[in-house]
Amino acid sequence: MNILILMIPASILLGVFFLGAFIWATKRGQFDDVVTPQYEILLEDKIIKDVNNEHKST
């Protein structure tokens, strides 16, 4: 039962820490663009293919 005296405040402090980290990341714009990164790899491949085609044609 004495362990509860330690574990309850520790878990509350841990929760407050993660809540603060989430709020900080949100204010810094960490979650502003969630769509573009998933398509970024596709765009990069297209750019590389276009550059390779230019080199082959010259």
N, C-alpha and C. Protein backbone atom coordinates (compact mmCIF):
# COMPACT_ATOMS: atom_id res chain seq x y z
N MET A 1 0.82 -1.20 0.00
CA MET A 1 0.00 0.00 0.00
C MET A 1 0.86 1.26 0.00
N ASN A 2 2.05 1.17 0.56
CA ASN A 2 2.93 2.34 0.59
C ASN A 2 3.44 2.70 -0.80
N ILE A 3 3.47 1.72 -1.69
CA ILE A 3 3.94 1.99 -3.05
C ILE A 3 3.00 2.94 -3.79
N LEU A 4 1.72 2.94 -3.42
CA LEU A 4 0.76 3.84 -4.06
C LEU A 4 1.10 5.30 -3.79
N ILE A 5 1.68 5.57 -2.64
CA ILE A 5 2.07 6.94 -2.30
C ILE A 5 3.13 7.44 -3.29
N LEU A 6 3.92 6.55 -3.80
CA LEU A 6 4.95 6.91 -4.77
C LEU A 6 4.44 6.83 -6.22
N MET A 7 3.68 5.81 -6.53
CA MET A 7 3.29 5.55 -7.92
C MET A 7 2.23 6.52 -8.45
N ILE A 8 1.28 6.91 -7.63
CA ILE A 8 0.23 7.83 -8.10
C ILE A 8 0.81 9.20 -8.47
N PRO A 9 1.61 9.84 -7.61
CA PRO A 9 2.20 11.12 -8.04
C PRO A 9 3.16 10.97 -9.23
N ALA A 10 3.88 9.85 -9.28
CA ALA A 10 4.80 9.64 -10.40
C ALA A 10 4.04 9.52 -11.71
N SER A 11 2.93 8.81 -11.71
CA SER A 11 2.15 8.66 -12.94
C SER A 11 1.47 9.97 -13.33
N ILE A 12 1.05 10.75 -12.36
CA ILE A 12 0.46 12.06 -12.66
C ILE A 12 1.51 12.98 -13.26
N LEU A 13 2.71 12.99 -12.68
CA LEU A 13 3.79 13.82 -13.22
C LEU A 13 4.18 13.38 -14.64
N LEU A 14 4.20 12.10 -14.88
CA LEU A 14 4.52 11.59 -16.21
C LEU A 14 3.45 12.01 -17.22
N GLY A 15 2.20 11.94 -16.82
CA GLY A 15 1.11 12.38 -17.69
C GLY A 15 1.18 13.86 -17.99
N VAL A 16 1.50 14.67 -16.98
CA VAL A 16 1.63 16.12 -17.17
C VAL A 16 2.81 16.41 -18.10
N PHE A 17 3.89 15.66 -17.95
CA PHE A 17 5.05 15.84 -18.83
C PHE A 17 4.69 15.58 -20.28
N PHE A 18 4.01 14.47 -20.56
CA PHE A 18 3.64 14.15 -21.93
C PHE A 18 2.60 15.12 -22.48
N LEU A 19 1.70 15.58 -21.65
CA LEU A 19 0.74 16.59 -22.09
C LEU A 19 1.46 17.88 -22.46
N GLY A 20 2.42 18.28 -21.65
CA GLY A 20 3.22 19.47 -21.96
C GLY A 20 4.02 19.32 -23.24
N ALA A 21 4.58 18.13 -23.45
CA ALA A 21 5.34 17.88 -24.68
C ALA A 21 4.42 17.94 -25.90
N PHE A 22 3.21 17.42 -25.77
CA PHE A 22 2.26 17.47 -26.88
C PHE A 22 1.85 18.91 -27.18
N ILE A 23 1.56 19.68 -26.16
CA ILE A 23 1.17 21.09 -26.36
C ILE A 23 2.33 21.86 -26.98
N TRP A 24 3.54 21.63 -26.50
CA TRP A 24 4.71 22.30 -27.06
C TRP A 24 4.89 21.96 -28.54
N ALA A 25 4.76 20.68 -28.89
CA ALA A 25 4.92 20.26 -30.28
C ALA A 25 3.82 20.84 -31.16
N THR A 26 2.62 20.94 -30.64
CA THR A 26 1.51 21.51 -31.40
C THR A 26 1.74 22.99 -31.66
N LYS A 27 2.21 23.72 -30.66
CA LYS A 27 2.47 25.15 -30.85
C LYS A 27 3.64 25.40 -31.79
N ARG A 28 4.59 24.48 -31.87
CA ARG A 28 5.74 24.61 -32.76
C ARG A 28 5.41 24.22 -34.20
N GLY A 29 4.20 23.71 -34.44
CA GLY A 29 3.79 23.36 -35.80
C GLY A 29 4.19 21.97 -36.22
N GLN A 30 4.46 21.10 -35.28
CA GLN A 30 4.89 19.74 -35.60
C GLN A 30 3.82 18.97 -36.36
N PHE A 31 2.56 19.26 -36.12
CA PHE A 31 1.47 18.49 -36.71
C PHE A 31 0.71 19.27 -37.77
N ASP A 32 1.30 20.33 -38.32
CA ASP A 32 0.60 21.16 -39.29
C ASP A 32 0.36 20.45 -40.62
N ASP A 33 1.38 19.79 -41.15
CA ASP A 33 1.27 19.16 -42.46
C ASP A 33 1.41 17.65 -42.30
N VAL A 34 0.28 16.97 -42.28
CA VAL A 34 0.32 15.52 -42.11
C VAL A 34 0.06 14.78 -43.41
N VAL A 35 -0.23 15.50 -44.50
CA VAL A 35 -0.56 14.85 -45.77
C VAL A 35 0.67 14.76 -46.68
N THR A 36 1.43 15.81 -46.81
CA THR A 36 2.54 15.87 -47.76
C THR A 36 3.62 14.82 -47.52
N PRO A 37 4.05 14.54 -46.30
CA PRO A 37 5.14 13.57 -46.13
C PRO A 37 4.87 12.19 -46.72
N GLN A 38 3.64 11.76 -46.75
CA GLN A 38 3.37 10.44 -47.32
C GLN A 38 3.49 10.43 -48.83
N TYR A 39 3.40 11.58 -49.48
CA TYR A 39 3.54 11.65 -50.94
C TYR A 39 4.93 12.13 -51.35
N GLU A 40 5.73 12.55 -50.41
CA GLU A 40 7.04 13.11 -50.72
C GLU A 40 7.94 12.10 -51.42
N ILE A 41 7.90 10.87 -51.00
CA ILE A 41 8.75 9.85 -51.62
C ILE A 41 8.32 9.61 -53.07
N LEU A 42 7.04 9.72 -53.36
CA LEU A 42 6.57 9.54 -54.73
C LEU A 42 7.03 10.69 -55.62
N LEU A 43 6.98 11.89 -55.11
CA LEU A 43 7.42 13.05 -55.88
C LEU A 43 8.91 13.00 -56.14
N GLU A 44 9.67 12.54 -55.16
CA GLU A 44 11.11 12.46 -55.31
C GLU A 44 11.49 11.48 -56.42
N ASP A 45 10.81 10.34 -56.49
CA ASP A 45 11.09 9.37 -57.55
C ASP A 45 10.79 9.95 -58.92
N LYS A 46 9.72 10.71 -59.03
CA LYS A 46 9.36 11.31 -60.32
C LYS A 46 10.42 12.32 -60.74
N ILE A 47 10.91 13.09 -59.81
CA ILE A 47 11.95 14.07 -60.12
C ILE A 47 13.22 13.36 -60.58
N ILE A 48 13.59 12.29 -59.91
CA ILE A 48 14.79 11.54 -60.29
C ILE A 48 14.63 10.95 -61.68
N LYS A 49 13.46 10.40 -61.99
CA LYS A 49 13.22 9.83 -63.32
C LYS A 49 13.29 10.91 -64.39
N ASP A 50 12.74 12.10 -64.11
CA ASP A 50 12.79 13.20 -65.07
C ASP A 50 14.23 13.63 -65.34
N VAL A 51 15.04 13.69 -64.31
CA VAL A 51 16.44 14.08 -64.46
C VAL A 51 17.19 13.03 -65.26
N ASN A 52 16.93 11.76 -64.99
CA ASN A 52 17.59 10.69 -65.74
C ASN A 52 17.19 10.72 -67.22
N ASN A 53 15.95 11.00 -67.52
CA ASN A 53 15.49 11.08 -68.91
C ASN A 53 16.16 12.24 -69.64
N GLU A 54 16.39 13.34 -68.95
CA GLU A 54 17.06 14.48 -69.57
C GLU A 54 18.50 14.13 -69.93
N HIS A 55 19.17 13.38 -69.05
CA HIS A 55 20.56 13.01 -69.31
C HIS A 55 20.66 11.99 -70.46
N LYS A 56 19.70 11.12 -70.59
CA LYS A 56 19.73 10.12 -71.66
C LYS A 56 19.45 10.74 -73.02
N SER A 57 18.63 11.78 -73.06
CA SER A 57 18.26 12.38 -74.33
C SER A 57 19.34 13.29 -74.90
N THR A 58 20.29 13.72 -74.09
CA THR A 58 21.35 14.61 -74.59
C THR A 58 22.58 13.86 -75.01
